Amino acid sequence: MRSDRSQPANLLVVEGKPYLVDCGEGCVTQLRKAGFEPGDVEQLFLTHMHLDHSAGVGPLAAFRWTGSVTSQLTVFGPPGTSKFVDAAMRYLSVPGSVHSREVPNMGSMDMLVHGEDIKHGGPEAFELFSDEKIRVRAVENSHFDHLSGVDIGFGALRSYSYRFDSADRSIVFTGDTGPSQSLQRMASGADILVAEIMDVDGVMSAFRQRTDIPAAQFPVIEAQMRAKHLTARDVGELAQASGVKTVILTHFASAGAGTEDVERFLREVSEVFDGKVVAGKDLQIF
């Protein structure tokens, strides 16, 4: 958590219509700063079920409802998404019932949001959604490979990357992932790759300062970090192999808030990638 970066959320705007990728805490505020209202968003694509990518879903649904929006919000995401959305509606039901008594004829909040579990998995990309402006494809990435086969009550534990193709450009959002041949194939020839990035050495340095983790666990933790996240070199190799034109770095993970060496990230990506590399900032427009 930090004051100059909100939790992960990316807004893709095609001919004035917004499509939201992930919805971390603070998303509603950031939407308004970007010139949009919660009710403008009708499609949300969650990459995976970590809190930093999903904790803003409840407020987004709630403030669409209080804004008298009548269109439905569809939340696409991995198995568990529909359960998560239903639980968010139950969580909001008490303040929602108070509001509906103060403002008659509000209708039901839960009728305005629908969670759609993505049932596809495996190494091949598939079409998830399309309308008159975009085509959306998804592929399972490697973020949860270390938990393969684990079922915690809502189906297979999966994480997705997304590709959006419009009339004039193609954009791939990695979400959280490690190196992934499936992602590389789906990203082939894209105009923009929006990629997470992690300083594994820095993160591990912070872990080693903790006294609640046995030292014998550190090699296991580091191996998992390298398998389920992208280092700067991983991002560069992915971008170069897939032939994308531009990389936008986001979701910086380092030893602590404000400790990331952005210039080093840019340099290390560029050592193996010939295209343009940009370090993204909140509310930046591309």
C-alpha atoms as a PDB file:
ATOM      1  CA  MET A   1       0.000   0.000   0.000  1.00  0.00           C
ATOM      2  CA  ARG A   2       1.325   3.449  -0.896  1.00  0.00           C
ATOM      3  CA  SER A   3       0.010   6.962  -1.321  1.00  0.00           C
ATOM      4  CA  ASP A   4       1.109   7.559  -4.909  1.00  0.00           C
ATOM      5  CA  ARG A   5      -0.127   4.289  -6.428  1.00  0.00           C
ATOM      6  CA  SER A   6      -3.578   2.800  -6.156  1.00  0.00           C
ATOM      7  CA  GLN A   7      -4.084  -0.954  -6.233  1.00  0.00           C
ATOM      8  CA  PRO A   8      -4.125  -2.630  -9.686  1.00  0.00           C
ATOM      9  CA  ALA A   9      -6.807  -1.441 -12.103  1.00  0.00           C
ATOM     10  CA  ASN A  10      -6.436  -0.577 -15.777  1.00  0.00           C
ATOM     11  CA  LEU A  11      -9.040   1.247 -17.856  1.00  0.00           C
ATOM     12  CA  LEU A  12      -9.096   0.579 -21.591  1.00  0.00           C
ATOM     13  CA  VAL A  13     -11.206   3.140 -23.463  1.00  0.00           C
ATOM     14  CA  VAL A  14     -12.309   2.302 -27.001  1.00  0.00           C
ATOM     15  CA  GLU A  15     -14.240   5.006 -28.862  1.00  0.00           C
ATOM     16  CA  GLY A  16     -15.356   6.427 -25.530  1.00  0.00           C
ATOM     17  CA  LYS A  17     -16.435   3.131 -23.976  1.00  0.00           C
ATOM     18  CA  PRO A  18     -14.477   1.964 -20.897  1.00  0.00           C
ATOM     19  CA  TYR A  19     -13.475  -1.619 -20.169  1.00  0.00           C
ATOM     20  CA  LEU A  20     -11.922  -2.301 -16.766  1.00  0.00           C
ATOM     21  CA  VAL A  21      -9.136  -4.819 -16.132  1.00  0.00           C
ATOM     22  CA  ASP A  22      -8.849  -5.612 -12.413  1.00  0.00           C
ATOM     23  CA  CYS A  23     -10.427  -3.562  -9.659  1.00  0.00           C
ATOM     24  CA  GLY A  24      -8.195  -3.039  -6.666  1.00  0.00           C
ATOM     25  CA  GLU A  25      -9.073  -0.934  -3.633  1.00  0.00           C
ATOM     26  CA  GLY A  26      -9.534   2.733  -4.555  1.00  0.00           C
ATOM     27  CA  CYS A  27     -10.705   2.024  -8.090  1.00  0.00           C
ATOM     28  CA  VAL A  28     -13.882   4.142  -7.870  1.00  0.00           C
ATOM     29  CA  THR A  29     -11.892   7.213  -6.835  1.00  0.00           C
ATOM     30  CA  GLN A  30      -9.374   6.662  -9.621  1.00  0.00           C
ATOM     31  CA  LEU A  31     -12.184   6.196 -12.148  1.00  0.00           C
ATOM     32  CA  ARG A  32     -13.597   9.596 -11.264  1.00  0.00           C
ATOM     33  CA  LYS A  33     -10.178  11.213 -11.474  1.00  0.00           C
ATOM     34  CA  ALA A  34      -9.931   9.753 -14.961  1.00  0.00           C
ATOM     35  CA  GLY A  35     -13.241  11.367 -15.938  1.00  0.00           C
ATOM     36  CA  PHE A  36     -15.538   8.347 -15.660  1.00  0.00           C
ATOM     37  CA  GLU A  37     -18.346   7.331 -13.328  1.00  0.00           C
ATOM     38  CA  PRO A  38     -18.836   3.820 -11.917  1.00  0.00           C
ATOM     39  CA  GLY A  39     -21.947   3.472 -14.073  1.00  0.00           C
ATOM     40  CA  ASP A  40     -19.902   3.946 -17.237  1.00  0.00           C
ATOM     41  CA  VAL A  41     -18.291   0.545 -16.713  1.00  0.00           C
ATOM     42  CA  GLU A  42     -20.314  -2.444 -17.870  1.00  0.00           C
ATOM     43  CA  GLN A  43     -17.540  -5.039 -18.299  1.00  0.00           C
ATOM     44  CA  LEU A  44     -14.870  -5.855 -15.717  1.00  0.00           C
ATOM     45  CA  PHE A  45     -12.195  -8.484 -16.330  1.00  0.00           C
ATOM     46  CA  LEU A  46     -10.481  -9.854 -13.200  1.00  0.00           C
ATOM     47  CA  THR A  47      -7.147 -11.542 -13.785  1.00  0.00           C
ATOM     48  CA  HIS A  48      -7.147 -13.511 -10.540  1.00  0.00           C
ATOM     49  CA  MET A  49      -8.530 -13.643  -7.026  1.00  0.00           C
ATOM     50  CA  HIS A  50      -5.908 -11.798  -5.015  1.00  0.00           C
ATOM     51  CA  LEU A  51      -7.218  -8.959  -2.866  1.00  0.00           C
ATOM     52  CA  ASP A  52      -5.075  -6.264  -4.444  1.00  0.00           C
ATOM     53  CA  HIS A  53      -6.747  -6.980  -7.789  1.00  0.00           C
ATOM     54  CA  SER A  54     -10.335  -7.428  -6.588  1.00  0.00           C
ATOM     55  CA  ALA A  55     -11.116  -5.533  -3.368  1.00  0.00           C
ATOM     56  CA  GLY A  56     -12.719  -2.641  -5.260  1.00  0.00           C
ATOM     57  CA  VAL A  57     -15.468  -4.725  -6.870  1.00  0.00           C
ATOM     58  CA  GLY A  58     -17.970  -4.186  -4.052  1.00  0.00           C
ATOM     59  CA  PRO A  59     -17.658  -0.379  -4.049  1.00  0.00           C
ATOM     60  CA  LEU A  60     -17.831  -0.290  -7.849  1.00  0.00           C
ATOM     61  CA  ALA A  61     -21.112  -2.240  -7.799  1.00  0.00           C
ATOM     62  CA  ALA A  62     -22.496  -0.209  -4.880  1.00  0.00           C
ATOM     63  CA  PHE A  63     -21.835   3.202  -6.398  1.00  0.00           C
ATOM     64  CA  ARG A  64     -23.227   2.127  -9.757  1.00  0.00           C
ATOM     65  CA  TRP A  65     -26.426   1.316  -7.846  1.00  0.00           C
ATOM     66  CA  THR A  66     -26.563   4.547  -5.834  1.00  0.00           C
ATOM     67  CA  GLY A  67     -25.965   6.420  -9.083  1.00  0.00           C
ATOM     68  CA  SER A  68     -29.283   5.056 -10.411  1.00  0.00           C
ATOM     69  CA  VAL A  69     -27.575   3.040 -13.153  1.00  0.00           C
ATOM     70  CA  THR A  70     -29.894   0.522 -14.803  1.00  0.00           C
ATOM     71  CA  SER A  71     -27.385  -1.412 -16.937  1.00  0.00           C
ATOM     72  CA  GLN A  72     -25.780  -4.565 -15.570  1.00  0.00           C
ATOM     73  CA  LEU A  73     -22.095  -4.877 -14.671  1.00  0.00           C
ATOM     74  CA  THR A  74     -20.644  -8.197 -15.813  1.00  0.00           C
ATOM     75  CA  VAL A  75     -17.588  -9.313 -13.866  1.00  0.00           C
ATOM     76  CA  PHE A  76     -15.559 -11.891 -15.800  1.00  0.00           C
ATOM     77  CA  GLY A  77     -12.970 -13.801 -13.815  1.00  0.00           C
ATOM     78  CA  PRO A  78     -11.562 -17.154 -12.729  1.00  0.00           C
ATOM     79  CA  PRO A  79     -13.559 -19.814 -10.897  1.00  0.00           C
ATOM     80  CA  GLY A  80     -14.904 -18.240  -7.726  1.00  0.00           C
ATOM     81  CA  THR A  81     -15.863 -14.945  -9.357  1.00  0.00           C
ATOM     82  CA  SER A  82     -19.613 -15.548  -9.121  1.00  0.00           C
ATOM     83  CA  LYS A  83     -19.260 -16.637  -5.493  1.00  0.00           C
ATOM     84  CA  PHE A  84     -17.171 -13.557  -4.762  1.00  0.00           C
ATOM     85  CA  VAL A  85     -19.722 -11.203  -6.364  1.00  0.00           C
ATOM     86  CA  ASP A  86     -22.605 -12.837  -4.474  1.00  0.00           C
ATOM     87  CA  ALA A  87     -20.665 -12.494  -1.213  1.00  0.00           C
ATOM     88  CA  ALA A  88     -19.960  -8.820  -1.960  1.00  0.00           C
ATOM     89  CA  MET A  89     -23.679  -8.218  -2.386  1.00  0.00           C
ATOM     90  CA  ARG A  90     -24.393  -9.854   0.979  1.00  0.00           C
ATOM     91  CA  TYR A  91     -21.667  -7.752   2.598  1.00  0.00           C
ATOM     92  CA  LEU A  92     -23.268  -4.589   1.231  1.00  0.00           C
ATOM     93  CA  SER A  93     -26.847  -5.598   2.028  1.00  0.00           C
ATOM     94  CA  VAL A  94     -27.119  -3.814   5.396  1.00  0.00           C
ATOM     95  CA  PRO A  95     -26.062  -0.324   4.238  1.00  0.00           C
ATOM     96  CA  GLY A  96     -27.888  -1.042   0.995  1.00  0.00           C
ATOM     97  CA  SER A  97     -31.150  -1.697   2.812  1.00  0.00           C
ATOM     98  CA  VAL A  98     -30.762   1.574   4.714  1.00  0.00           C
ATOM     99  CA  HIS A  99     -30.169   3.483   1.500  1.00  0.00           C
ATOM    100  CA  SER A 100     -33.142   1.889  -0.253  1.00  0.00           C
ATOM    101  CA  ARG A 101     -35.464   3.021   2.558  1.00  0.00           C
ATOM    102  CA  GLU A 102     -34.235   6.577   2.273  1.00  0.00           C
ATOM    103  CA  VAL A 103     -34.434   6.590  -1.533  1.00  0.00           C
ATOM    104  CA  PRO A 104     -37.592   4.758  -2.696  1.00  0.00           C
ATOM    105  CA  ASN A 105     -37.756   2.655  -5.851  1.00  0.00           C
ATOM    106  CA  MET A 106     -34.036   1.927  -5.882  1.00  0.00           C
ATOM    107  CA  GLY A 107     -34.507  -1.646  -6.992  1.00  0.00           C
ATOM    108  CA  SER A 108     -32.154  -4.436  -6.011  1.00  0.00           C
ATOM    109  CA  MET A 109     -28.397  -3.872  -6.043  1.00  0.00           C
ATOM    110  CA  ASP A 110     -27.632  -7.496  -6.819  1.00  0.00           C
ATOM    111  CA  MET A 111     -29.700  -7.351 -10.012  1.00  0.00           C
ATOM    112  CA  LEU A 112     -27.176  -4.872 -11.435  1.00  0.00           C
ATOM    113  CA  VAL A 113     -24.072  -7.058 -11.172  1.00  0.00           C
ATOM    114  CA  HIS A 114     -23.335 -10.549 -12.448  1.00  0.00           C
ATOM    115  CA  GLY A 115     -20.255 -12.663 -11.796  1.00  0.00           C
ATOM    116  CA  GLU A 116     -19.213 -14.842 -14.732  1.00  0.00           C
ATOM    117  CA  ASP A 117     -16.797 -17.674 -13.945  1.00  0.00           C
ATOM    118  CA  ILE A 118     -14.393 -18.410 -16.790  1.00  0.00           C
ATOM    119  CA  LYS A 119     -14.504 -22.158 -17.260  1.00  0.00           C
ATOM    120  CA  HIS A 120     -11.637 -22.535 -19.739  1.00  0.00           C
ATOM    121  CA  GLY A 121      -8.133 -23.417 -18.630  1.00  0.00           C
ATOM    122  CA  GLY A 122      -5.035 -24.806 -20.253  1.00  0.00           C
ATOM    123  CA  PRO A 123      -2.376 -23.453 -22.608  1.00  0.00           C
ATOM    124  CA  GLU A 124      -4.463 -22.183 -25.525  1.00  0.00           C
ATOM    125  CA  ALA A 125      -6.046 -18.730 -25.750  1.00  0.00           C
ATOM    126  CA  PHE A 126      -9.810 -18.536 -26.233  1.00  0.00           C
ATOM    127  CA  GLU A 127     -12.348 -15.848 -27.065  1.00  0.00           C
ATOM    128  CA  LEU A 128     -14.083 -14.579 -23.953  1.00  0.00           C
ATOM    129  CA  PHE A 129     -16.083 -11.534 -25.038  1.00  0.00           C
ATOM    130  CA  SER A 130     -16.775  -9.361 -28.038  1.00  0.00           C
ATOM    131  CA  ASP A 131     -18.956  -6.417 -28.949  1.00  0.00           C
ATOM    132  CA  GLU A 132     -19.004  -3.820 -31.694  1.00  0.00           C
ATOM    133  CA  LYS A 133     -15.763  -2.238 -30.434  1.00  0.00           C
ATOM    134  CA  ILE A 134     -13.471  -4.991 -29.151  1.00  0.00           C
ATOM    135  CA  ARG A 135     -12.648  -8.669 -29.135  1.00  0.00           C
ATOM    136  CA  VAL A 136     -11.297 -10.076 -25.871  1.00  0.00           C
ATOM    137  CA  ARG A 137      -9.239 -13.231 -25.616  1.00  0.00           C
ATOM    138  CA  ALA A 138      -7.900 -14.856 -22.466  1.00  0.00           C
ATOM    139  CA  VAL A 139      -5.366 -17.494 -21.555  1.00  0.00           C
ATOM    140  CA  GLU A 140      -4.459 -19.159 -18.287  1.00  0.00           C
ATOM    141  CA  ASN A 141      -1.020 -18.024 -17.150  1.00  0.00           C
ATOM    142  CA  SER A 142       1.524 -19.441 -14.694  1.00  0.00           C
ATOM    143  CA  HIS A 143       0.779 -17.387 -11.577  1.00  0.00           C
ATOM    144  CA  PHE A 144      -0.841 -20.289  -9.721  1.00  0.00           C
ATOM    145  CA  ASP A 145       1.132 -23.167 -11.245  1.00  0.00           C
ATOM    146  CA  HIS A 146       2.704 -23.814  -7.834  1.00  0.00           C
ATOM    147  CA  LEU A 147      -0.821 -24.549  -6.531  1.00  0.00           C
ATOM    148  CA  SER A 148      -1.896 -26.740  -9.438  1.00  0.00           C
ATOM    149  CA  GLY A 149      -4.697 -29.086  -8.456  1.00  0.00           C
ATOM    150  CA  VAL A 150      -5.592 -27.141  -5.316  1.00  0.00           C
ATOM    151  CA  ASP A 151      -9.334 -26.585  -4.844  1.00  0.00           C
ATOM    152  CA  ILE A 152     -10.233 -24.236  -1.993  1.00  0.00           C
ATOM    153  CA  GLY A 153     -13.970 -24.538  -2.406  1.00  0.00           C
ATOM    154  CA  PHE A 154     -14.859 -22.844  -5.684  1.00  0.00           C
ATOM    155  CA  GLY A 155     -13.082 -24.808  -8.396  1.00  0.00           C
ATOM    156  CA  ALA A 156      -9.653 -24.764  -9.965  1.00  0.00           C
ATOM    157  CA  LEU A 157      -7.319 -21.985  -8.822  1.00  0.00           C
ATOM    158  CA  ARG A 158      -6.562 -20.035 -12.012  1.00  0.00           C
ATOM    159  CA  SER A 159      -5.051 -16.757 -13.162  1.00  0.00           C
ATOM    160  CA  TYR A 160      -5.601 -15.185 -16.581  1.00  0.00           C
ATOM    161  CA  SER A 161      -3.973 -12.760 -18.981  1.00  0.00           C
ATOM    162  CA  TYR A 162      -6.152 -10.836 -21.450  1.00  0.00           C
ATOM    163  CA  ARG A 163      -5.776  -9.549 -24.993  1.00  0.00           C
ATOM    164  CA  PHE A 164      -8.012  -6.768 -26.339  1.00  0.00           C
ATOM    165  CA  ASP A 165      -8.177  -6.215 -30.096  1.00  0.00           C
ATOM    166  CA  SER A 166      -9.900  -3.095 -31.415  1.00  0.00           C
ATOM    167  CA  ALA A 167     -10.040  -1.670 -34.914  1.00  0.00           C
ATOM    168  CA  ASP A 168      -6.741   0.184 -34.567  1.00  0.00           C
ATOM    169  CA  ARG A 169      -4.633  -1.526 -31.908  1.00  0.00           C
ATOM    170  CA  SER A 170      -4.120  -4.583 -29.714  1.00  0.00           C
ATOM    171  CA  ILE A 171      -3.276  -4.489 -26.012  1.00  0.00           C
ATOM    172  CA  VAL A 172      -2.268  -7.378 -23.742  1.00  0.00           C
ATOM    173  CA  PHE A 173      -2.551  -7.243 -19.960  1.00  0.00           C
ATOM    174  CA  THR A 174      -0.364  -9.845 -18.284  1.00  0.00           C
ATOM    175  CA  GLY A 175      -1.961  -9.622 -14.844  1.00  0.00           C
ATOM    176  CA  ASP A 176       0.222 -11.382 -12.289  1.00  0.00           C
ATOM    177  CA  THR A 177       2.153 -14.183 -13.966  1.00  0.00           C
ATOM    178  CA  GLY A 178       5.503 -15.837 -14.249  1.00  0.00           C
ATOM    179  CA  PRO A 179       7.153 -16.711 -17.559  1.00  0.00           C
ATOM    180  CA  SER A 180       4.467 -18.284 -19.744  1.00  0.00           C
ATOM    181  CA  GLN A 181       4.623 -19.705 -23.247  1.00  0.00           C
ATOM    182  CA  SER A 182       0.840 -19.482 -23.435  1.00  0.00           C
ATOM    183  CA  LEU A 183       0.953 -15.737 -22.711  1.00  0.00           C
ATOM    184  CA  GLN A 184       3.789 -15.282 -25.184  1.00  0.00           C
ATOM    185  CA  ARG A 185       1.745 -16.865 -27.975  1.00  0.00           C
ATOM    186  CA  MET A 186      -1.352 -14.810 -27.180  1.00  0.00           C
ATOM    187  CA  ALA A 187       0.695 -11.587 -27.083  1.00  0.00           C
ATOM    188  CA  SER A 188       2.238 -12.200 -30.502  1.00  0.00           C
ATOM    189  CA  GLY A 189       2.325  -9.012 -32.581  1.00  0.00           C
ATOM    190  CA  ALA A 190       0.427  -6.872 -30.037  1.00  0.00           C
ATOM    191  CA  ASP A 191       0.898  -3.129 -30.082  1.00  0.00           C
ATOM    192  CA  ILE A 192       1.142  -2.771 -26.293  1.00  0.00           C
ATOM    193  CA  LEU A 193       2.067  -5.168 -23.499  1.00  0.00           C
ATOM    194  CA  VAL A 194       1.002  -3.987 -20.024  1.00  0.00           C
ATOM    195  CA  ALA A 195       3.187  -6.055 -17.717  1.00  0.00           C
ATOM    196  CA  GLU A 196       3.650  -6.549 -14.018  1.00  0.00           C
ATOM    197  CA  ILE A 197       7.230  -6.432 -12.742  1.00  0.00           C
ATOM    198  CA  MET A 198       8.925  -7.684  -9.594  1.00  0.00           C
ATOM    199  CA  ASP A 199      12.325  -7.101  -8.018  1.00  0.00           C
ATOM    200  CA  VAL A 200      12.647 -10.629  -6.628  1.00  0.00           C
ATOM    201  CA  ASP A 201      15.994  -9.923  -4.957  1.00  0.00           C
ATOM    202  CA  GLY A 202      14.541  -6.877  -3.205  1.00  0.00           C
ATOM    203  CA  VAL A 203      11.414  -8.713  -2.094  1.00  0.00           C
ATOM    204  CA  MET A 204      13.485 -11.597  -0.747  1.00  0.00           C
ATOM    205  CA  SER A 205      15.725  -9.170   1.123  1.00  0.00           C
ATOM    206  CA  ALA A 206      12.634  -7.872   2.921  1.00  0.00           C
ATOM    207  CA  PHE A 207      11.419 -11.419   3.627  1.00  0.00           C
ATOM    208  CA  ARG A 208      14.751 -12.328   5.211  1.00  0.00           C
ATOM    209  CA  GLN A 209      14.283  -9.554   7.774  1.00  0.00           C
ATOM    210  CA  ARG A 210      11.183 -11.278   9.114  1.00  0.00           C
ATOM    211  CA  THR A 211      11.485 -13.437  12.207  1.00  0.00           C
ATOM    212  CA  ASP A 212       8.206 -15.320  11.718  1.00  0.00           C
ATOM    213  CA  ILE A 213       9.454 -17.303   8.702  1.00  0.00           C
ATOM    214  CA  PRO A 214      11.891 -20.202   9.203  1.00  0.00           C
ATOM    215  CA  ALA A 215      15.124 -19.675   7.257  1.00  0.00           C
ATOM    216  CA  ALA A 216      14.664 -23.048   5.578  1.00  0.00           C
ATOM    217  CA  GLN A 217      11.576 -21.663   3.818  1.00  0.00           C
ATOM    218  CA  PHE A 218      13.391 -18.836   2.053  1.00  0.00           C
ATOM    219  CA  PRO A 219      14.648 -20.921  -0.922  1.00  0.00           C
ATOM    220  CA  VAL A 220      11.122 -22.253  -1.449  1.00  0.00           C
ATOM    221  CA  ILE A 221       9.620 -18.754  -1.305  1.00  0.00           C
ATOM    222  CA  GLU A 222      12.191 -17.384  -3.737  1.00  0.00           C
ATOM    223  CA  ALA A 223      11.620 -20.221  -6.216  1.00  0.00           C
ATOM    224  CA  GLN A 224       7.885 -19.542  -6.100  1.00  0.00           C
ATOM    225  CA  MET A 225       8.407 -15.802  -6.587  1.00  0.00           C
ATOM    226  CA  ARG A 226      10.538 -16.389  -9.669  1.00  0.00           C
ATOM    227  CA  ALA A 227       8.014 -18.868 -11.072  1.00  0.00           C
ATOM    228  CA  LYS A 228       4.855 -16.819 -10.526  1.00  0.00           C
ATOM    229  CA  HIS A 229       6.041 -13.242 -11.209  1.00  0.00           C
ATOM    230  CA  LEU A 230       7.965 -11.449 -13.947  1.00  0.00           C
ATOM    231  CA  THR A 231      11.383  -9.945 -13.360  1.00  0.00           C
ATOM    232  CA  ALA A 232      12.610  -7.132 -15.619  1.00  0.00           C
ATOM    233  CA  ARG A 233      14.507  -9.619 -17.763  1.00  0.00           C
ATOM    234  CA  ASP A 234      11.443 -11.885 -17.957  1.00  0.00           C
ATOM    235  CA  VAL A 235       9.360  -8.943 -19.222  1.00  0.00           C
ATOM    236  CA  GLY A 236      11.974  -8.067 -21.825  1.00  0.00           C
ATOM    237  CA  GLU A 237      12.259 -11.634 -23.055  1.00  0.00           C
ATOM    238  CA  LEU A 238       8.465 -11.981 -23.243  1.00  0.00           C
ATOM    239  CA  ALA A 239       8.144  -8.726 -25.186  1.00  0.00           C
ATOM    240  CA  GLN A 240      10.966  -9.575 -27.582  1.00  0.00           C
ATOM    241  CA  ALA A 241       9.760 -13.120 -28.255  1.00  0.00           C
ATOM    242  CA  SER A 242       6.164 -12.026 -28.834  1.00  0.00           C
ATOM    243  CA  GLY A 243       7.131  -9.109 -31.088  1.00  0.00           C
ATOM    244  CA  VAL A 244       5.167  -6.404 -29.271  1.00  0.00           C
ATOM    245  CA  LYS A 245       5.892  -2.758 -30.055  1.00  0.00           C
ATOM    246  CA  THR A 246       5.638  -1.128 -26.615  1.00  0.00           C
ATOM    247  CA  VAL A 247       5.887  -2.320 -23.013  1.00  0.00           C
ATOM    248  CA  ILE A 248       4.186  -0.465 -20.165  1.00  0.00           C
ATOM    249  CA  LEU A 249       5.438  -1.543 -16.742  1.00  0.00           C
ATOM    250  CA  THR A 250       2.954  -1.533 -13.887  1.00  0.00           C
ATOM    251  CA  HIS A 251       2.196  -3.161 -10.527  1.00  0.00           C
ATOM    252  CA  PHE A 252       5.763  -2.671  -9.277  1.00  0.00           C
ATOM    253  CA  ALA A 253       6.745  -5.107  -6.524  1.00  0.00           C
ATOM    254  CA  SER A 254       9.907  -4.418  -4.542  1.00  0.00           C
ATOM    255  CA  ALA A 255      11.304  -4.507  -1.020  1.00  0.00           C
ATOM    256  CA  GLY A 256       8.803  -1.887   0.141  1.00  0.00           C
ATOM    257  CA  ALA A 257       6.731   1.097  -0.919  1.00  0.00           C
ATOM    258  CA  GLY A 258       8.818   3.552  -2.883  1.00  0.00           C
ATOM    259  CA  THR A 259      11.940   1.373  -2.999  1.00  0.00           C
ATOM    260  CA  GLU A 260      11.690   0.225  -6.606  1.00  0.00           C
ATOM    261  CA  ASP A 261      14.502   1.311  -8.909  1.00  0.00           C
ATOM    262  CA  VAL A 262      12.411   2.267 -11.935  1.00  0.00           C
ATOM    263  CA  GLU A 263      15.393   3.324 -14.036  1.00  0.00           C
ATOM    264  CA  ARG A 264      17.004  -0.069 -13.449  1.00  0.00           C
ATOM    265  CA  PHE A 265      13.775  -1.820 -14.433  1.00  0.00           C
ATOM    266  CA  LEU A 266      13.648   0.150 -17.682  1.00  0.00           C
ATOM    267  CA  ARG A 267      17.305  -0.535 -18.411  1.00  0.00           C
ATOM    268  CA  GLU A 268      17.078  -4.270 -17.723  1.00  0.00           C
ATOM    269  CA  VAL A 269      13.975  -4.701 -19.890  1.00  0.00           C
ATOM    270  CA  SER A 270      15.684  -2.780 -22.711  1.00  0.00           C
ATOM    271  CA  GLU A 271      18.747  -5.027 -22.524  1.00  0.00           C
ATOM    272  CA  VAL A 272      16.722  -7.811 -24.165  1.00  0.00           C
ATOM    273  CA  PHE A 273      13.844  -5.896 -25.837  1.00  0.00           C
ATOM    274  CA  ASP A 274      14.256  -3.655 -28.876  1.00  0.00           C
ATOM    275  CA  GLY A 275      10.993  -1.710 -28.543  1.00  0.00           C
ATOM    276  CA  LYS A 276       9.764   1.157 -26.394  1.00  0.00           C
ATOM    277  CA  VAL A 277       9.558   0.694 -22.610  1.00  0.00           C
ATOM    278  CA  VAL A 278       7.571   2.991 -20.313  1.00  0.00           C
ATOM    279  CA  ALA A 279       7.149   2.955 -16.525  1.00  0.00           C
ATOM    280  CA  GLY A 280       3.441   3.523 -15.978  1.00  0.00           C
ATOM    281  CA  LYS A 281       2.061   5.927 -13.391  1.00  0.00           C
ATOM    282  CA  ASP A 282      -1.438   6.215 -11.942  1.00  0.00           C
ATOM    283  CA  LEU A 283      -3.899   7.993 -14.277  1.00  0.00           C
ATOM    284  CA  GLN A 284      -1.358   8.097 -17.109  1.00  0.00           C
ATOM    285  CA  ILE A 285      -2.927   7.936 -20.582  1.00  0.00           C
ATOM    286  CA  PHE A 286      -1.394   6.036 -23.506  1.00  0.00           C
END
